[in-house]
């Protein structure tokens, strides 16, 4: 499958999660991303490096990727649309299921 369905669903869900945060405050948008991921069942920790923030998610959201890796494309699209920032999923199933999302903040 090419991911069109997951991306379409992500685009449709995004308006429900879109924050009212000015574009010049990317850190506030990242805080919103963490909130969105919590609502979806993920406990996330963030790491910042070279103008990018990586959110690593565990618990329920991480377990979903083990059986349904396409879920990461859906969440990637949802976050990118809701935040108005570039997002790249870096999910993995081995050695343990984990969803990771790299957010380009432009600060760095």
PDB file of N, CA and C in Angstrom:
ATOM      1  N   UNK A   1       0.832  -1.172   0.000  1.00  0.00           N
ATOM      2  CA  UNK A   1       0.000   0.000   0.000  1.00  0.00           C
ATOM      3  C   UNK A   1       0.884   1.244   0.000  1.00  0.00           C
ATOM      4  N   UNK A   2       0.420   2.318  -0.595  1.00  0.00           N
ATOM      5  CA  UNK A   2       1.260   3.505  -0.738  1.00  0.00           C
ATOM      6  C   UNK A   2       1.023   4.577   0.324  1.00  0.00           C
ATOM      7  N   UNK A   3       0.137   4.344   1.277  1.00  0.00           N
ATOM      8  CA  UNK A   3      -0.059   5.294   2.367  1.00  0.00           C
ATOM      9  C   UNK A   3      -1.098   6.369   2.121  1.00  0.00           C
ATOM     10  N   UNK A   4      -1.783   6.329   0.977  1.00  0.00           N
ATOM     11  CA  UNK A   4      -2.766   7.385   0.685  1.00  0.00           C
ATOM     12  C   UNK A   4      -3.909   7.409   1.699  1.00  0.00           C
ATOM     13  N   UNK A   5      -4.388   6.243   2.082  1.00  0.00           N
ATOM     14  CA  UNK A   5      -5.501   6.194   3.042  1.00  0.00           C
ATOM     15  C   UNK A   5      -5.083   6.796   4.376  1.00  0.00           C
ATOM     16  N   UNK A   6      -3.907   6.402   4.867  1.00  0.00           N
ATOM     17  CA  UNK A   6      -3.435   6.924   6.150  1.00  0.00           C
ATOM     18  C   UNK A   6      -3.249   8.437   6.088  1.00  0.00           C
ATOM     19  N   UNK A   7      -2.707   8.909   4.994  1.00  0.00           N
ATOM     20  CA  UNK A   7      -2.490  10.359   4.854  1.00  0.00           C
ATOM     21  C   UNK A   7      -3.826  11.106   4.777  1.00  0.00           C
ATOM     22  N   UNK A   8      -4.791  10.548   4.063  1.00  0.00           N
ATOM     23  CA  UNK A   8      -6.106  11.181   3.964  1.00  0.00           C
ATOM     24  C   UNK A   8      -6.756  11.289   5.336  1.00  0.00           C
ATOM     25  N   UNK A   9      -6.693  10.214   6.104  1.00  0.00           N
ATOM     26  CA  UNK A   9      -7.266  10.235   7.458  1.00  0.00           C
ATOM     27  C   UNK A   9      -6.524  11.248   8.323  1.00  0.00           C
ATOM     28  N   UNK A  10      -5.207  11.288   8.229  1.00  0.00           N
ATOM     29  CA  UNK A  10      -4.420  12.266   8.982  1.00  0.00           C
ATOM     30  C   UNK A  10      -4.812  13.698   8.649  1.00  0.00           C
ATOM     31  N   UNK A  11      -5.006  13.991   7.353  1.00  0.00           N
ATOM     32  CA  UNK A  11      -5.433  15.334   6.924  1.00  0.00           C
ATOM     33  C   UNK A  11      -6.810  15.670   7.499  1.00  0.00           C
ATOM     34  N   UNK A  12      -7.694  14.690   7.513  1.00  0.00           N
ATOM     35  CA  UNK A  12      -9.055  14.941   8.014  1.00  0.00           C
ATOM     36  C   UNK A  12      -9.097  15.143   9.525  1.00  0.00           C
ATOM     37  N   UNK A  13      -8.217  14.479  10.255  1.00  0.00           N
ATOM     38  CA  UNK A  13      -8.190  14.615  11.710  1.00  0.00           C
ATOM     39  C   UNK A  13      -7.495  15.894  12.180  1.00  0.00           C
ATOM     40  N   UNK A  14      -6.564  16.405  11.409  1.00  0.00           N
ATOM     41  CA  UNK A  14      -5.714  17.519  11.831  1.00  0.00           C
ATOM     42  C   UNK A  14      -6.461  18.756  12.326  1.00  0.00           C
ATOM     43  N   UNK A  15      -7.524  19.213  11.651  1.00  0.00           N
ATOM     44  CA  UNK A  15      -8.193  20.429  12.147  1.00  0.00           C
ATOM     45  C   UNK A  15      -8.666  20.331  13.594  1.00  0.00           C
ATOM     46  N   UNK A  16      -8.988  19.141  14.049  1.00  0.00           N
ATOM     47  CA  UNK A  16      -9.427  18.961  15.437  1.00  0.00           C
ATOM     48  C   UNK A  16      -8.297  19.196  16.427  1.00  0.00           C
ATOM     49  N   UNK A  17      -7.062  19.090  15.965  1.00  0.00           N
ATOM     50  CA  UNK A  17      -5.897  19.208  16.841  1.00  0.00           C
ATOM     51  C   UNK A  17      -5.078  20.468  16.584  1.00  0.00           C
ATOM     52  N   UNK A  18      -5.494  21.284  15.631  1.00  0.00           N
ATOM     53  CA  UNK A  18      -4.696  22.454  15.246  1.00  0.00           C
ATOM     54  C   UNK A  18      -4.658  23.473  16.375  1.00  0.00           C
ATOM     55  N   UNK A  19      -3.469  23.866  16.818  1.00  0.00           N
ATOM     56  CA  UNK A  19      -3.354  24.835  17.912  1.00  0.00           C
ATOM     57  C   UNK A  19      -3.496  26.274  17.412  1.00  0.00           C
ATOM     58  N   UNK A  20      -3.823  27.148  18.332  1.00  0.00           N
ATOM     59  CA  UNK A  20      -3.846  28.564  18.019  1.00  0.00           C
ATOM     60  C   UNK A  20      -2.522  29.120  18.538  1.00  0.00           C
ATOM     61  N   UNK A  21      -1.464  28.905  17.756  1.00  0.00           N
ATOM     62  CA  UNK A  21      -0.121  29.320  18.142  1.00  0.00           C
ATOM     63  C   UNK A  21       0.501  30.025  16.945  1.00  0.00           C
ATOM     64  N   UNK A  22       1.027  31.226  17.148  1.00  0.00           N
ATOM     65  CA  UNK A  22       1.657  31.942  16.035  1.00  0.00           C
ATOM     66  C   UNK A  22       2.826  31.150  15.446  1.00  0.00           C
ATOM     67  N   UNK A  23       3.044  31.254  14.136  1.00  0.00           N
ATOM     68  CA  UNK A  23       4.127  30.509  13.491  1.00  0.00           C
ATOM     69  C   UNK A  23       5.507  30.797  14.059  1.00  0.00           C
ATOM     70  N   UNK A  24       5.707  31.973  14.643  1.00  0.00           N
ATOM     71  CA  UNK A  24       7.030  32.313  15.178  1.00  0.00           C
ATOM     72  C   UNK A  24       7.294  31.654  16.529  1.00  0.00           C
ATOM     73  N   UNK A  25       6.413  30.792  16.992  1.00  0.00           N
ATOM     74  CA  UNK A  25       6.598  30.087  18.260  1.00  0.00           C
ATOM     75  C   UNK A  25       6.596  28.572  18.044  1.00  0.00           C
ATOM     76  N   UNK A  26       7.609  28.058  17.333  1.00  0.00           N
ATOM     77  CA  UNK A  26       7.615  26.617  17.055  1.00  0.00           C
ATOM     78  C   UNK A  26       7.682  25.761  18.310  1.00  0.00           C
ATOM     79  N   UNK A  27       8.312  26.237  19.398  1.00  0.00           N
ATOM     80  CA  UNK A  27       8.380  25.434  20.614  1.00  0.00           C
ATOM     81  C   UNK A  27       6.983  25.197  21.187  1.00  0.00           C
ATOM     82  N   UNK A  28       6.125  26.200  21.110  1.00  0.00           N
ATOM     83  CA  UNK A  28       4.743  26.035  21.571  1.00  0.00           C
ATOM     84  C   UNK A  28       4.018  25.004  20.716  1.00  0.00           C
ATOM     85  N   UNK A  29       4.339  24.953  19.437  1.00  0.00           N
ATOM     86  CA  UNK A  29       3.728  23.965  18.550  1.00  0.00           C
ATOM     87  C   UNK A  29       4.194  22.556  18.922  1.00  0.00           C
ATOM     88  N   UNK A  30       5.454  22.437  19.300  1.00  0.00           N
ATOM     89  CA  UNK A  30       5.972  21.134  19.708  1.00  0.00           C
ATOM     90  C   UNK A  30       5.288  20.691  21.008  1.00  0.00           C
ATOM     91  N   UNK A  31       5.081  21.620  21.935  1.00  0.00           N
ATOM     92  CA  UNK A  31       4.345  21.283  23.156  1.00  0.00           C
ATOM     93  C   UNK A  31       2.950  20.786  22.803  1.00  0.00           C
ATOM     94  N   UNK A  32       2.343  21.385  21.795  1.00  0.00           N
ATOM     95  CA  UNK A  32       1.026  20.949  21.337  1.00  0.00           C
ATOM     96  C   UNK A  32       1.118  19.538  20.752  1.00  0.00           C
ATOM     97  N   UNK A  33       2.197  19.252  20.031  1.00  0.00           N
ATOM     98  CA  UNK A  33       2.379  17.911  19.461  1.00  0.00           C
ATOM     99  C   UNK A  33       2.428  16.861  20.566  1.00  0.00           C
ATOM    100  N   UNK A  34       3.135  17.160  21.640  1.00  0.00           N
ATOM    101  CA  UNK A  34       3.218  16.229  22.762  1.00  0.00           C
ATOM    102  C   UNK A  34       1.821  16.006  23.350  1.00  0.00           C
ATOM    103  N   UNK A  35       1.049  17.067  23.447  1.00  0.00           N
ATOM    104  CA  UNK A  35      -0.314  16.959  23.952  1.00  0.00           C
ATOM    105  C   UNK A  35      -1.177  16.079  23.040  1.00  0.00           C
ATOM    106  N   UNK A  36      -1.058  16.279  21.735  1.00  0.00           N
ATOM    107  CA  UNK A  36      -1.815  15.478  20.764  1.00  0.00           C
ATOM    108  C   UNK A  36      -1.443  14.005  20.904  1.00  0.00           C
ATOM    109  N   UNK A  37      -0.157  13.720  21.004  1.00  0.00           N
ATOM    110  CA  UNK A  37       0.292  12.337  21.119  1.00  0.00           C
ATOM    111  C   UNK A  37      -0.191  11.698  22.419  1.00  0.00           C
ATOM    112  N   UNK A  38      -0.248  12.475  23.482  1.00  0.00           N
ATOM    113  CA  UNK A  38      -0.793  11.945  24.745  1.00  0.00           C
ATOM    114  C   UNK A  38      -2.260  11.567  24.567  1.00  0.00           C
ATOM    115  N   UNK A  39      -3.000  12.422  23.861  1.00  0.00           N
ATOM    116  CA  UNK A  39      -4.414  12.132  23.617  1.00  0.00           C
ATOM    117  C   UNK A  39      -4.583  10.848  22.805  1.00  0.00           C
ATOM    118  N   UNK A  40      -3.606  10.552  21.964  1.00  0.00           N
ATOM    119  CA  UNK A  40      -3.652   9.343  21.146  1.00  0.00           C
ATOM    120  C   UNK A  40      -3.098   8.130  21.893  1.00  0.00           C
ATOM    121  N   UNK A  41      -2.682   8.316  23.130  1.00  0.00           N
ATOM    122  CA  UNK A  41      -2.225   7.194  23.946  1.00  0.00           C
ATOM    123  C   UNK A  41      -0.732   7.016  24.020  1.00  0.00           C
ATOM    124  N   UNK A  42       0.024   8.034  23.695  1.00  0.00           N
ATOM    125  CA  UNK A  42       1.479   7.911  23.732  1.00  0.00           C
ATOM    126  C   UNK A  42       2.117   8.746  24.819  1.00  0.00           C
ATOM    127  N   UNK A  43       2.987   8.133  25.596  1.00  0.00           N
ATOM    128  CA  UNK A  43       3.828   8.870  26.534  1.00  0.00           C
ATOM    129  C   UNK A  43       5.088   9.209  25.761  1.00  0.00           C
ATOM    130  N   UNK A  44       5.383  10.487  25.618  1.00  0.00           N
ATOM    131  CA  UNK A  44       6.506  10.897  24.773  1.00  0.00           C
ATOM    132  C   UNK A  44       7.529  11.694  25.557  1.00  0.00           C
ATOM    133  N   UNK A  45       8.768  11.497  25.175  1.00  0.00           N
ATOM    134  CA  UNK A  45       9.833  12.352  25.682  1.00  0.00           C
ATOM    135  C   UNK A  45      10.429  13.050  24.468  1.00  0.00           C
ATOM    136  N   UNK A  46      10.959  14.240  24.688  1.00  0.00           N
ATOM    137  CA  UNK A  46      11.503  15.004  23.568  1.00  0.00           C
ATOM    138  C   UNK A  46      12.997  15.203  23.718  1.00  0.00           C
ATOM    139  N   UNK A  47      13.649  15.277  22.545  1.00  0.00           N
ATOM    140  CA  UNK A  47      15.084  15.546  22.467  1.00  0.00           C
ATOM    141  C   UNK A  47      15.275  16.598  21.381  1.00  0.00           C
ATOM    142  N   UNK A  48      16.131  17.572  21.636  1.00  0.00           N
ATOM    143  CA  UNK A  48      16.385  18.621  20.652  1.00  0.00           C
ATOM    144  C   UNK A  48      17.816  18.535  20.159  1.00  0.00           C
ATOM    145  N   UNK A  49      17.968  18.675  18.833  1.00  0.00           N
ATOM    146  CA  UNK A  49      19.295  18.610  18.237  1.00  0.00           C
ATOM    147  C   UNK A  49      19.259  19.241  16.854  1.00  0.00           C
ATOM    148  N   UNK A  50      20.130  20.218  16.600  1.00  0.00           N
ATOM    149  CA  UNK A  50      20.284  20.851  15.280  1.00  0.00           C
ATOM    150  C   UNK A  50      18.977  21.359  14.685  1.00  0.00           C
ATOM    151  N   UNK A  51      18.189  22.081  15.478  1.00  0.00           N
ATOM    152  CA  UNK A  51      16.960  22.664  14.959  1.00  0.00           C
ATOM    153  C   UNK A  51      15.842  21.672  14.736  1.00  0.00           C
ATOM    154  N   UNK A  52      15.998  20.467  15.284  1.00  0.00           N
ATOM    155  CA  UNK A  52      14.956  19.450  15.161  1.00  0.00           C
ATOM    156  C   UNK A  52      14.648  18.917  16.549  1.00  0.00           C
ATOM    157  N   UNK A  53      13.393  18.625  16.755  1.00  0.00           N
ATOM    158  CA  UNK A  53      12.980  17.998  17.998  1.00  0.00           C
ATOM    159  C   UNK A  53      12.446  16.623  17.643  1.00  0.00           C
ATOM    160  N   UNK A  54      12.932  15.624  18.342  1.00  0.00           N
ATOM    161  CA  UNK A  54      12.452  14.263  18.137  1.00  0.00           C
ATOM    162  C   UNK A  54      11.611  13.865  19.334  1.00  0.00           C
ATOM    163  N   UNK A  55      10.400  13.429  19.040  1.00  0.00           N
ATOM    164  CA  UNK A  55       9.505  12.916  20.063  1.00  0.00           C
ATOM    165  C   UNK A  55       9.539  11.404  19.988  1.00  0.00           C
ATOM    166  N   UNK A  56       9.901  10.758  21.073  1.00  0.00           N
ATOM    167  CA  UNK A  56       9.930   9.301  21.144  1.00  0.00           C
ATOM    168  C   UNK A  56       8.766   8.870  22.040  1.00  0.00           C
ATOM    169  N   UNK A  57       7.891   8.056  21.470  1.00  0.00           N
ATOM    170  CA  UNK A  57       6.660   7.686  22.154  1.00  0.00           C
ATOM    171  C   UNK A  57       6.632   6.210  22.484  1.00  0.00           C
ATOM    172  N   UNK A  58       6.130   5.930  23.662  1.00  0.00           N
ATOM    173  CA  UNK A  58       6.054   4.575  24.171  1.00  0.00           C
ATOM    174  C   UNK A  58       4.615   4.287  24.570  1.00  0.00           C
ATOM    175  N   UNK A  59       4.399   3.214  25.270  1.00  0.00           N
ATOM    176  CA  UNK A  59       3.103   2.775  25.757  1.00  0.00           C
ATOM    177  C   UNK A  59       2.184   2.453  24.588  1.00  0.00           C
ATOM    178  N   UNK A  60       0.909   2.803  24.685  1.00  0.00           N
ATOM    179  CA  UNK A  60      -0.099   2.373  23.713  1.00  0.00           C
ATOM    180  C   UNK A  60       0.270   2.709  22.276  1.00  0.00           C
ATOM    181  N   UNK A  61       0.688   3.930  22.027  1.00  0.00           N
ATOM    182  CA  UNK A  61       1.013   4.342  20.666  1.00  0.00           C
ATOM    183  C   UNK A  61       2.168   3.516  20.112  1.00  0.00           C
ATOM    184  N   UNK A  62       3.162   3.252  20.930  1.00  0.00           N
ATOM    185  CA  UNK A  62       4.280   2.429  20.489  1.00  0.00           C
ATOM    186  C   UNK A  62       3.867   1.010  20.158  1.00  0.00           C
ATOM    187  N   UNK A  63       2.905   0.482  20.901  1.00  0.00           N
ATOM    188  CA  UNK A  63       2.442  -0.883  20.647  1.00  0.00           C
ATOM    189  C   UNK A  63       1.631  -0.986  19.364  1.00  0.00           C
ATOM    190  N   UNK A  64       0.940   0.078  18.996  1.00  0.00           N
ATOM    191  CA  UNK A  64       0.146   0.062  17.763  1.00  0.00           C
ATOM    192  C   UNK A  64       1.037  -0.174  16.560  1.00  0.00           C
ATOM    193  N   UNK A  65       2.220   0.440  16.542  1.00  0.00           N
ATOM    194  CA  UNK A  65       3.106   0.331  15.390  1.00  0.00           C
ATOM    195  C   UNK A  65       3.579  -1.108  15.171  1.00  0.00           C
ATOM    196  N   UNK A  66       3.617  -1.901  16.236  1.00  0.00           N
ATOM    197  CA  UNK A  66       4.059  -3.294  16.090  1.00  0.00           C
ATOM    198  C   UNK A  66       3.141  -4.064  15.151  1.00  0.00           C
ATOM    199  N   UNK A  67       1.842  -3.860  15.272  1.00  0.00           N
ATOM    200  CA  UNK A  67       0.898  -4.570  14.418  1.00  0.00           C
ATOM    201  C   UNK A  67       0.414  -3.774  13.229  1.00  0.00           C
ATOM    202  N   UNK A  68       0.587  -2.453  13.292  1.00  0.00           N
ATOM    203  CA  UNK A  68       0.079  -1.571  12.242  1.00  0.00           C
ATOM    204  C   UNK A  68       1.055  -0.429  11.975  1.00  0.00           C
ATOM    205  N   UNK A  69       2.165  -0.711  11.308  1.00  0.00           N
ATOM    206  CA  UNK A  69       3.160   0.345  11.070  1.00  0.00           C
ATOM    207  C   UNK A  69       2.611   1.525  10.257  1.00  0.00           C
ATOM    208  N   UNK A  70       1.538   1.299   9.507  1.00  0.00           N
ATOM    209  CA  UNK A  70       0.944   2.385   8.728  1.00  0.00           C
ATOM    210  C   UNK A  70       0.369   3.480   9.629  1.00  0.00           C
ATOM    211  N   UNK A  71       0.134   3.163  10.899  1.00  0.00           N
ATOM    212  CA  UNK A  71      -0.381   4.161  11.836  1.00  0.00           C
ATOM    213  C   UNK A  71       0.595   5.325  11.989  1.00  0.00           C
ATOM    214  N   UNK A  72       1.879   5.067  11.835  1.00  0.00           N
ATOM    215  CA  UNK A  72       2.869   6.145  11.950  1.00  0.00           C
ATOM    216  C   UNK A  72       2.706   7.171  10.836  1.00  0.00           C
ATOM    217  N   UNK A  73       2.357   6.724   9.634  1.00  0.00           N
ATOM    218  CA  UNK A  73       2.116   7.673   8.530  1.00  0.00           C
ATOM    219  C   UNK A  73       0.912   8.554   8.834  1.00  0.00           C
ATOM    220  N   UNK A  74      -0.114   7.948   9.411  1.00  0.00           N
ATOM    221  CA  UNK A  74      -1.302   8.702   9.768  1.00  0.00           C
ATOM    222  C   UNK A  74      -0.945   9.782  10.787  1.00  0.00           C
ATOM    223  N   UNK A  75      -0.234   9.407  11.854  1.00  0.00           N
ATOM    224  CA  UNK A  75       0.130  10.363  12.899  1.00  0.00           C
ATOM    225  C   UNK A  75       1.104  11.411  12.366  1.00  0.00           C
ATOM    226  N   UNK A  76       2.037  11.011  11.506  1.00  0.00           N
ATOM    227  CA  UNK A  76       2.971  11.958  10.887  1.00  0.00           C
ATOM    228  C   UNK A  76       2.201  13.045  10.137  1.00  0.00           C
ATOM    229  N   UNK A  77       1.217  12.649   9.349  1.00  0.00           N
ATOM    230  CA  UNK A  77       0.415  13.601   8.576  1.00  0.00           C
ATOM    231  C   UNK A  77      -0.416  14.480   9.496  1.00  0.00           C
ATOM    232  N   UNK A  78      -1.023  13.878  10.496  1.00  0.00           N
ATOM    233  CA  UNK A  78      -1.816  14.622  11.463  1.00  0.00           C
ATOM    234  C   UNK A  78      -0.979  15.707  12.133  1.00  0.00           C
ATOM    235  N   UNK A  79       0.208  15.346  12.617  1.00  0.00           N
ATOM    236  CA  UNK A  79       1.078  16.315  13.293  1.00  0.00           C
ATOM    237  C   UNK A  79       1.541  17.418  12.352  1.00  0.00           C
ATOM    238  N   UNK A  80       1.980  17.061  11.154  1.00  0.00           N
ATOM    239  CA  UNK A  80       2.462  18.066  10.199  1.00  0.00           C
ATOM    240  C   UNK A  80       1.367  19.076   9.879  1.00  0.00           C
ATOM    241  N   UNK A  81       0.161  18.588   9.617  1.00  0.00           N
ATOM    242  CA  UNK A  81      -0.953  19.488   9.307  1.00  0.00           C
ATOM    243  C   UNK A  81      -1.340  20.338  10.511  1.00  0.00           C
ATOM    244  N   UNK A  82      -1.449  19.708  11.668  1.00  0.00           N
ATOM    245  CA  UNK A  82      -1.893  20.426  12.861  1.00  0.00           C
ATOM    246  C   UNK A  82      -0.882  21.475  13.310  1.00  0.00           C
ATOM    247  N   UNK A  83       0.414  21.161  13.174  1.00  0.00           N
ATOM    248  CA  UNK A  83       1.453  22.064  13.653  1.00  0.00           C
ATOM    249  C   UNK A  83       1.911  23.077  12.619  1.00  0.00           C
ATOM    250  N   UNK A  84       1.732  22.750  11.346  1.00  0.00           N
ATOM    251  CA  UNK A  84       2.246  23.625  10.297  1.00  0.00           C
ATOM    252  C   UNK A  84       3.763  23.596  10.235  1.00  0.00           C
ATOM    253  N   UNK A  85       4.346  22.476  10.650  1.00  0.00           N
ATOM    254  CA  UNK A  85       5.795  22.283  10.631  1.00  0.00           C
ATOM    255  C   UNK A  85       6.099  20.944   9.964  1.00  0.00           C
ATOM    256  N   UNK A  86       7.266  20.827   9.315  1.00  0.00           N
ATOM    257  CA  UNK A  86       7.635  19.540   8.728  1.00  0.00           C
ATOM    258  C   UNK A  86       7.832  18.473   9.803  1.00  0.00           C
ATOM    259  N   UNK A  87       7.249  17.311   9.580  1.00  0.00           N
ATOM    260  CA  UNK A  87       7.351  16.181  10.514  1.00  0.00           C
ATOM    261  C   UNK A  87       7.739  14.943   9.718  1.00  0.00           C
ATOM    262  N   UNK A  88       8.668  14.166  10.247  1.00  0.00           N
ATOM    263  CA  UNK A  88       9.093  12.908   9.620  1.00  0.00           C
ATOM    264  C   UNK A  88       8.992  11.804  10.656  1.00  0.00           C
ATOM    265  N   UNK A  89       8.214  10.771  10.350  1.00  0.00           N
ATOM    266  CA  UNK A  89       8.122   9.656  11.289  1.00  0.00           C
ATOM    267  C   UNK A  89       9.363   8.787  11.176  1.00  0.00           C
ATOM    268  N   UNK A  90       9.791   8.270  12.308  1.00  0.00           N
ATOM    269  CA  UNK A  90      10.957   7.382  12.395  1.00  0.00           C
ATOM    270  C   UNK A  90      10.592   6.191  13.278  1.00  0.00           C
ATOM    271  N   UNK A  91       9.421   5.617  13.038  1.00  0.00           N
ATOM    272  CA  UNK A  91       8.917   4.534  13.875  1.00  0.00           C
ATOM    273  C   UNK A  91       9.675   3.244  13.606  1.00  0.00           C
ATOM    274  N   UNK A  92       9.681   2.368  14.621  1.00  0.00           N
ATOM    275  CA  UNK A  92      10.384   1.091  14.499  1.00  0.00           C
ATOM    276  C   UNK A  92       9.613   0.016  15.259  1.00  0.00           C
ATOM    277  N   UNK A  93       9.816  -1.211  14.856  1.00  0.00           N
ATOM    278  CA  UNK A  93       9.187  -2.320  15.568  1.00  0.00           C
ATOM    279  C   UNK A  93      10.216  -3.145  16.337  1.00  0.00           C
ATOM    280  N   UNK A  94      11.491  -3.031  15.979  1.00  0.00           N
ATOM    281  CA  UNK A  94      12.560  -3.795  16.637  1.00  0.00           C
ATOM    282  C   UNK A  94      13.606  -2.835  17.180  1.00  0.00           C
ATOM    283  N   UNK A  95      14.227  -3.062  18.277  1.00  0.00           N
ATOM    284  CA  UNK A  95      14.071  -4.214  19.161  1.00  0.00           C
ATOM    285  C   UNK A  95      12.784  -4.153  19.982  1.00  0.00           C
ATOM    286  N   UNK A  96      12.207  -2.964  20.138  1.00  0.00           N
ATOM    287  CA  UNK A  96      10.932  -2.820  20.829  1.00  0.00           C
ATOM    288  C   UNK A  96      10.106  -1.789  20.058  1.00  0.00           C
ATOM    289  N   UNK A  97       8.784  -1.937  20.027  1.00  0.00           N
ATOM    290  CA  UNK A  97       7.949  -0.978  19.301  1.00  0.00           C
ATOM    291  C   UNK A  97       8.113   0.433  19.861  1.00  0.00           C
ATOM    292  N   UNK A  98       8.295   1.371  18.957  1.00  0.00           N
ATOM    293  CA  UNK A  98       8.476   2.763  19.364  1.00  0.00           C
ATOM    294  C   UNK A  98       8.074   3.667  18.207  1.00  0.00           C
ATOM    295  N   UNK A  99       7.301   4.689  18.519  1.00  0.00           N
ATOM    296  CA  UNK A  99       6.963   5.707  17.526  1.00  0.00           C
ATOM    297  C   UNK A  99       7.848   6.917  17.801  1.00  0.00           C
ATOM    298  N   UNK A 100       8.505   7.397  16.765  1.00  0.00           N
ATOM    299  CA  UNK A 100       9.326   8.594  16.878  1.00  0.00           C
ATOM    300  C   UNK A 100       8.951   9.541  15.757  1.00  0.00           C
ATOM    301  N   UNK A 101       8.874  10.818  16.096  1.00  0.00           N
ATOM    302  CA  UNK A 101       8.526  11.842  15.126  1.00  0.00           C
ATOM    303  C   UNK A 101       9.528  12.978  15.230  1.00  0.00           C
ATOM    304  N   UNK A 102      10.172  13.280  14.112  1.00  0.00           N
ATOM    305  CA  UNK A 102      11.160  14.349  14.047  1.00  0.00           C
ATOM    306  C   UNK A 102      10.465  15.592  13.516  1.00  0.00           C
ATOM    307  N   UNK A 103      10.512  16.670  14.295  1.00  0.00           N
ATOM    308  CA  UNK A 103       9.835  17.921  13.940  1.00  0.00           C
ATOM    309  C   UNK A 103      10.893  18.973  13.641  1.00  0.00           C
ATOM    310  N   UNK A 104      10.817  19.540  12.458  1.00  0.00           N
ATOM    311  CA  UNK A 104      11.742  20.593  12.023  1.00  0.00           C
ATOM    312  C   UNK A 104      11.231  21.926  12.527  1.00  0.00           C
ATOM    313  N   UNK A 105      11.922  22.494  13.514  1.00  0.00           N
ATOM    314  CA  UNK A 105      11.489  23.770  14.083  1.00  0.00           C
ATOM    315  C   UNK A 105      12.129  24.970  13.400  1.00  0.00           C
ATOM    316  N   UNK A 106      13.242  24.732  12.714  1.00  0.00           N
ATOM    317  CA  UNK A 106      13.938  25.835  12.064  1.00  0.00           C
ATOM    318  C   UNK A 106      14.826  26.608  13.017  1.00  0.00           C
ATOM    319  N   UNK A 107      14.830  26.252  14.282  1.00  0.00           N
ATOM    320  CA  UNK A 107      15.673  26.912  15.281  1.00  0.00           C
ATOM    321  C   UNK A 107      16.924  26.081  15.473  1.00  0.00           C
ATOM    322  N   UNK A 108      18.038  26.585  15.124  1.00  0.00           N
ATOM    323  CA  UNK A 108      19.223  25.786  15.373  1.00  0.00           C
ATOM    324  C   UNK A 108      20.347  26.089  14.479  1.00  0.00           C
TER     325      UNK A 108
END
